PDB file of N, CA and C in Angstrom:
ATOM      1  N   UNK A   1      -4.180 -62.987 -15.548  1.00  0.00           N
ATOM      2  CA  UNK A   1      -4.491 -61.742 -16.212  1.00  0.00           C
ATOM      3  C   UNK A   1      -4.723 -60.638 -15.185  1.00  0.00           C
ATOM      4  N   UNK A   2      -5.389 -60.964 -14.079  1.00  0.00           N
ATOM      5  CA  UNK A   2      -5.651 -59.970 -13.042  1.00  0.00           C
ATOM      6  C   UNK A   2      -4.338 -59.442 -12.449  1.00  0.00           C
ATOM      7  N   UNK A   3      -3.389 -60.339 -12.229  1.00  0.00           N
ATOM      8  CA  UNK A   3      -2.093 -59.913 -11.645  1.00  0.00           C
ATOM      9  C   UNK A   3      -1.397 -58.931 -12.581  1.00  0.00           C
ATOM     10  N   UNK A   4      -1.386 -59.213 -13.869  1.00  0.00           N
ATOM     11  CA  UNK A   4      -0.767 -58.316 -14.841  1.00  0.00           C
ATOM     12  C   UNK A   4      -1.518 -56.983 -14.885  1.00  0.00           C
ATOM     13  N   UNK A   5      -2.838 -57.043 -14.793  1.00  0.00           N
ATOM     14  CA  UNK A   5      -3.613 -55.791 -14.820  1.00  0.00           C
ATOM     15  C   UNK A   5      -3.260 -54.949 -13.601  1.00  0.00           C
ATOM     16  N   UNK A   6      -3.161 -55.568 -12.427  1.00  0.00           N
ATOM     17  CA  UNK A   6      -2.835 -54.847 -11.229  1.00  0.00           C
ATOM     18  C   UNK A   6      -1.419 -54.243 -11.309  1.00  0.00           C
ATOM     19  N   UNK A   7      -0.513 -55.035 -11.882  1.00  0.00           N
ATOM     20  CA  UNK A   7       0.898 -54.601 -11.979  1.00  0.00           C
ATOM     21  C   UNK A   7       1.056 -53.485 -13.007  1.00  0.00           C
ATOM     22  N   UNK A   8       0.391 -53.562 -14.146  1.00  0.00           N
ATOM     23  CA  UNK A   8       0.620 -52.621 -15.241  1.00  0.00           C
ATOM     24  C   UNK A   8      -0.455 -51.525 -15.341  1.00  0.00           C
ATOM     25  N   UNK A   9      -1.567 -51.723 -14.649  1.00  0.00           N
ATOM     26  CA  UNK A   9      -2.615 -50.702 -14.631  1.00  0.00           C
ATOM     27  C   UNK A   9      -3.368 -50.516 -15.914  1.00  0.00           C
ATOM     28  N   UNK A  10      -3.597 -51.600 -16.689  1.00  0.00           N
ATOM     29  CA  UNK A  10      -4.384 -51.454 -17.919  1.00  0.00           C
ATOM     30  C   UNK A  10      -5.843 -51.794 -17.639  1.00  0.00           C
ATOM     31  N   UNK A  11      -6.733 -51.355 -18.535  1.00  0.00           N
ATOM     32  CA  UNK A  11      -8.147 -51.652 -18.431  1.00  0.00           C
ATOM     33  C   UNK A  11      -8.398 -53.035 -19.045  1.00  0.00           C
ATOM     34  N   UNK A  12      -9.101 -53.861 -18.311  1.00  0.00           N
ATOM     35  CA  UNK A  12      -9.444 -55.189 -18.781  1.00  0.00           C
ATOM     36  C   UNK A  12     -10.963 -55.216 -19.004  1.00  0.00           C
ATOM     37  N   UNK A  13     -11.353 -55.542 -20.206  1.00  0.00           N
ATOM     38  CA  UNK A  13     -12.785 -55.640 -20.480  1.00  0.00           C
ATOM     39  C   UNK A  13     -13.074 -57.061 -20.937  1.00  0.00           C
ATOM     40  N   UNK A  14     -13.848 -57.764 -20.165  1.00  0.00           N
ATOM     41  CA  UNK A  14     -14.222 -59.119 -20.536  1.00  0.00           C
ATOM     42  C   UNK A  14     -15.593 -59.061 -21.246  1.00  0.00           C
ATOM     43  N   UNK A  15     -15.692 -59.783 -22.334  1.00  0.00           N
ATOM     44  CA  UNK A  15     -16.927 -59.778 -23.125  1.00  0.00           C
ATOM     45  C   UNK A  15     -17.423 -61.205 -23.250  1.00  0.00           C
ATOM     46  N   UNK A  16     -18.641 -61.423 -22.771  1.00  0.00           N
ATOM     47  CA  UNK A  16     -19.306 -62.722 -22.924  1.00  0.00           C
ATOM     48  C   UNK A  16     -19.951 -62.752 -24.303  1.00  0.00           C
ATOM     49  N   UNK A  17     -19.667 -63.752 -25.069  1.00  0.00           N
ATOM     50  CA  UNK A  17     -20.202 -63.790 -26.448  1.00  0.00           C
ATOM     51  C   UNK A  17     -21.518 -64.597 -26.534  1.00  0.00           C
ATOM     52  N   UNK A  18     -21.854 -65.280 -25.447  1.00  0.00           N
ATOM     53  CA  UNK A  18     -23.070 -66.081 -25.440  1.00  0.00           C
ATOM     54  C   UNK A  18     -24.295 -65.202 -25.782  1.00  0.00           C
ATOM     55  N   UNK A  19     -25.055 -65.670 -26.729  1.00  0.00           N
ATOM     56  CA  UNK A  19     -26.274 -64.978 -27.122  1.00  0.00           C
ATOM     57  C   UNK A  19     -26.094 -63.858 -28.112  1.00  0.00           C
ATOM     58  N   UNK A  20     -24.870 -63.582 -28.518  1.00  0.00           N
ATOM     59  CA  UNK A  20     -24.623 -62.575 -29.553  1.00  0.00           C
ATOM     60  C   UNK A  20     -24.124 -63.315 -30.789  1.00  0.00           C
ATOM     61  N   UNK A  21     -24.979 -63.504 -31.733  1.00  0.00           N
ATOM     62  CA  UNK A  21     -24.667 -64.345 -32.901  1.00  0.00           C
ATOM     63  C   UNK A  21     -23.442 -63.855 -33.644  1.00  0.00           C
ATOM     64  N   UNK A  22     -23.299 -62.560 -33.820  1.00  0.00           N
ATOM     65  CA  UNK A  22     -22.155 -62.027 -34.570  1.00  0.00           C
ATOM     66  C   UNK A  22     -20.829 -62.314 -33.835  1.00  0.00           C
ATOM     67  N   UNK A  23     -20.828 -62.107 -32.495  1.00  0.00           N
ATOM     68  CA  UNK A  23     -19.616 -62.385 -31.744  1.00  0.00           C
ATOM     69  C   UNK A  23     -19.309 -63.873 -31.692  1.00  0.00           C
ATOM     70  N   UNK A  24     -20.339 -64.710 -31.588  1.00  0.00           N
ATOM     71  CA  UNK A  24     -20.121 -66.146 -31.595  1.00  0.00           C
ATOM     72  C   UNK A  24     -19.451 -66.593 -32.919  1.00  0.00           C
ATOM     73  N   UNK A  25     -19.959 -66.083 -34.011  1.00  0.00           N
ATOM     74  CA  UNK A  25     -19.388 -66.435 -35.319  1.00  0.00           C
ATOM     75  C   UNK A  25     -17.927 -65.990 -35.419  1.00  0.00           C
ATOM     76  N   UNK A  26     -17.634 -64.773 -34.924  1.00  0.00           N
ATOM     77  CA  UNK A  26     -16.291 -64.226 -35.054  1.00  0.00           C
ATOM     78  C   UNK A  26     -15.295 -64.841 -34.110  1.00  0.00           C
ATOM     79  N   UNK A  27     -15.708 -65.191 -32.882  1.00  0.00           N
ATOM     80  CA  UNK A  27     -14.748 -65.561 -31.868  1.00  0.00           C
ATOM     81  C   UNK A  27     -14.840 -67.003 -31.340  1.00  0.00           C
ATOM     82  N   UNK A  28     -15.910 -67.740 -31.651  1.00  0.00           N
ATOM     83  CA  UNK A  28     -16.119 -69.039 -31.015  1.00  0.00           C
ATOM     84  C   UNK A  28     -14.890 -69.976 -31.101  1.00  0.00           C
ATOM     85  N   UNK A  29     -14.247 -70.039 -32.210  1.00  0.00           N
ATOM     86  CA  UNK A  29     -13.116 -70.977 -32.357  1.00  0.00           C
ATOM     87  C   UNK A  29     -11.844 -70.481 -31.710  1.00  0.00           C
ATOM     88  N   UNK A  30     -11.826 -69.204 -31.249  1.00  0.00           N
ATOM     89  CA  UNK A  30     -10.610 -68.625 -30.692  1.00  0.00           C
ATOM     90  C   UNK A  30     -10.611 -68.494 -29.186  1.00  0.00           C
ATOM     91  N   UNK A  31     -11.698 -68.865 -28.545  1.00  0.00           N
ATOM     92  CA  UNK A  31     -11.849 -68.625 -27.104  1.00  0.00           C
ATOM     93  C   UNK A  31     -10.821 -69.406 -26.294  1.00  0.00           C
ATOM     94  N   UNK A  32     -10.172 -68.854 -25.319  1.00  0.00           N
ATOM     95  CA  UNK A  32     -10.219 -67.428 -25.018  1.00  0.00           C
ATOM     96  C   UNK A  32      -9.310 -66.657 -25.970  1.00  0.00           C
ATOM     97  N   UNK A  33      -9.699 -65.456 -26.227  1.00  0.00           N
ATOM     98  CA  UNK A  33      -8.929 -64.604 -27.113  1.00  0.00           C
ATOM     99  C   UNK A  33      -8.672 -63.274 -26.402  1.00  0.00           C
ATOM    100  N   UNK A  34      -7.482 -62.738 -26.564  1.00  0.00           N
ATOM    101  CA  UNK A  34      -7.135 -61.434 -26.008  1.00  0.00           C
ATOM    102  C   UNK A  34      -6.738 -60.516 -27.130  1.00  0.00           C
ATOM    103  N   UNK A  35      -7.411 -59.373 -27.150  1.00  0.00           N
ATOM    104  CA  UNK A  35      -7.068 -58.359 -28.136  1.00  0.00           C
ATOM    105  C   UNK A  35      -6.556 -57.125 -27.379  1.00  0.00           C
ATOM    106  N   UNK A  36      -5.559 -56.500 -27.948  1.00  0.00           N
ATOM    107  CA  UNK A  36      -5.009 -55.248 -27.363  1.00  0.00           C
ATOM    108  C   UNK A  36      -5.101 -54.206 -28.473  1.00  0.00           C
ATOM    109  N   UNK A  37      -5.847 -53.138 -28.161  1.00  0.00           N
ATOM    110  CA  UNK A  37      -6.075 -52.081 -29.142  1.00  0.00           C
ATOM    111  C   UNK A  37      -6.636 -52.631 -30.450  1.00  0.00           C
ATOM    112  N   UNK A  38      -7.571 -53.605 -30.332  1.00  0.00           N
ATOM    113  CA  UNK A  38      -8.228 -54.141 -31.534  1.00  0.00           C
ATOM    114  C   UNK A  38      -7.426 -55.173 -32.308  1.00  0.00           C
ATOM    115  N   UNK A  39      -6.240 -55.470 -31.833  1.00  0.00           N
ATOM    116  CA  UNK A  39      -5.381 -56.444 -32.519  1.00  0.00           C
ATOM    117  C   UNK A  39      -5.335 -57.741 -31.714  1.00  0.00           C
ATOM    118  N   UNK A  40      -5.628 -58.856 -32.362  1.00  0.00           N
ATOM    119  CA  UNK A  40      -5.622 -60.157 -31.680  1.00  0.00           C
ATOM    120  C   UNK A  40      -4.187 -60.526 -31.323  1.00  0.00           C
ATOM    121  N   UNK A  41      -3.927 -60.686 -30.021  1.00  0.00           N
ATOM    122  CA  UNK A  41      -2.583 -60.954 -29.532  1.00  0.00           C
ATOM    123  C   UNK A  41      -2.421 -62.363 -28.968  1.00  0.00           C
ATOM    124  N   UNK A  42      -3.464 -62.933 -28.370  1.00  0.00           N
ATOM    125  CA  UNK A  42      -3.363 -64.261 -27.766  1.00  0.00           C
ATOM    126  C   UNK A  42      -4.623 -65.031 -28.046  1.00  0.00           C
ATOM    127  N   UNK A  43      -4.490 -66.307 -28.282  1.00  0.00           N
ATOM    128  CA  UNK A  43      -5.618 -67.230 -28.356  1.00  0.00           C
ATOM    129  C   UNK A  43      -5.244 -68.487 -27.584  1.00  0.00           C
ATOM    130  N   UNK A  44      -6.269 -69.022 -26.929  1.00  0.00           N
ATOM    131  CA  UNK A  44      -6.130 -70.262 -26.143  1.00  0.00           C
ATOM    132  C   UNK A  44      -5.326 -70.090 -24.846  1.00  0.00           C
ATOM    133  N   UNK A  45      -4.172 -69.486 -24.907  1.00  0.00           N
ATOM    134  CA  UNK A  45      -3.326 -69.330 -23.746  1.00  0.00           C
ATOM    135  C   UNK A  45      -2.753 -67.896 -23.709  1.00  0.00           C
ATOM    136  N   UNK A  46      -2.689 -67.345 -22.541  1.00  0.00           N
ATOM    137  CA  UNK A  46      -2.038 -66.021 -22.381  1.00  0.00           C
ATOM    138  C   UNK A  46      -0.747 -66.233 -21.651  1.00  0.00           C
ATOM    139  N   UNK A  47       0.313 -65.888 -22.303  1.00  0.00           N
ATOM    140  CA  UNK A  47       1.653 -66.044 -21.688  1.00  0.00           C
ATOM    141  C   UNK A  47       1.979 -64.756 -20.933  1.00  0.00           C
ATOM    142  N   UNK A  48       2.140 -64.836 -19.598  1.00  0.00           N
ATOM    143  CA  UNK A  48       2.300 -63.617 -18.799  1.00  0.00           C
ATOM    144  C   UNK A  48       3.400 -62.665 -19.247  1.00  0.00           C
ATOM    145  N   UNK A  49       4.572 -63.145 -19.579  1.00  0.00           N
ATOM    146  CA  UNK A  49       5.655 -62.262 -20.008  1.00  0.00           C
ATOM    147  C   UNK A  49       5.319 -61.593 -21.355  1.00  0.00           C
ATOM    148  N   UNK A  50       4.736 -62.368 -22.256  1.00  0.00           N
ATOM    149  CA  UNK A  50       4.338 -61.795 -23.559  1.00  0.00           C
ATOM    150  C   UNK A  50       3.227 -60.789 -23.382  1.00  0.00           C
ATOM    151  N   UNK A  51       2.313 -61.035 -22.448  1.00  0.00           N
ATOM    152  CA  UNK A  51       1.246 -60.089 -22.162  1.00  0.00           C
ATOM    153  C   UNK A  51       1.818 -58.780 -21.630  1.00  0.00           C
ATOM    154  N   UNK A  52       2.760 -58.880 -20.727  1.00  0.00           N
ATOM    155  CA  UNK A  52       3.388 -57.677 -20.174  1.00  0.00           C
ATOM    156  C   UNK A  52       4.061 -56.855 -21.292  1.00  0.00           C
ATOM    157  N   UNK A  53       4.787 -57.540 -22.149  1.00  0.00           N
ATOM    158  CA  UNK A  53       5.452 -56.838 -23.264  1.00  0.00           C
ATOM    159  C   UNK A  53       4.418 -56.173 -24.178  1.00  0.00           C
ATOM    160  N   UNK A  54       3.352 -56.924 -24.508  1.00  0.00           N
ATOM    161  CA  UNK A  54       2.343 -56.361 -25.435  1.00  0.00           C
ATOM    162  C   UNK A  54       1.640 -55.144 -24.838  1.00  0.00           C
ATOM    163  N   UNK A  55       1.312 -55.212 -23.543  1.00  0.00           N
ATOM    164  CA  UNK A  55       0.658 -54.070 -22.896  1.00  0.00           C
ATOM    165  C   UNK A  55       1.612 -52.881 -22.837  1.00  0.00           C
ATOM    166  N   UNK A  56       2.855 -53.122 -22.512  1.00  0.00           N
ATOM    167  CA  UNK A  56       3.847 -52.047 -22.430  1.00  0.00           C
ATOM    168  C   UNK A  56       4.037 -51.406 -23.789  1.00  0.00           C
ATOM    169  N   UNK A  57       4.100 -52.211 -24.854  1.00  0.00           N
ATOM    170  CA  UNK A  57       4.252 -51.667 -26.209  1.00  0.00           C
ATOM    171  C   UNK A  57       3.025 -50.840 -26.600  1.00  0.00           C
ATOM    172  N   UNK A  58       1.849 -51.305 -26.253  1.00  0.00           N
ATOM    173  CA  UNK A  58       0.611 -50.605 -26.604  1.00  0.00           C
ATOM    174  C   UNK A  58       0.506 -49.258 -25.877  1.00  0.00           C
ATOM    175  N   UNK A  59       1.073 -49.191 -24.681  1.00  0.00           N
ATOM    176  CA  UNK A  59       1.019 -47.962 -23.911  1.00  0.00           C
ATOM    177  C   UNK A  59       2.000 -46.911 -24.379  1.00  0.00           C
ATOM    178  N   UNK A  60       3.003 -47.321 -25.179  1.00  0.00           N
ATOM    179  CA  UNK A  60       3.998 -46.343 -25.621  1.00  0.00           C
ATOM    180  C   UNK A  60       3.590 -45.583 -26.852  1.00  0.00           C
TER     181      UNK A  60
END
């Protein structure tokens, strides 16, 4: 993920859900989860090429 961030220049925000009951309920079964512009794009695995496409699409 860091390599793609460096390459494409997007902001990466990591959120720890430990201790936040609402986030744990919403995301526990999906970890790791990647959302782009509030839309869930990846769960369990992040595919680098698909991530690049999704970030590029979101930037347009």
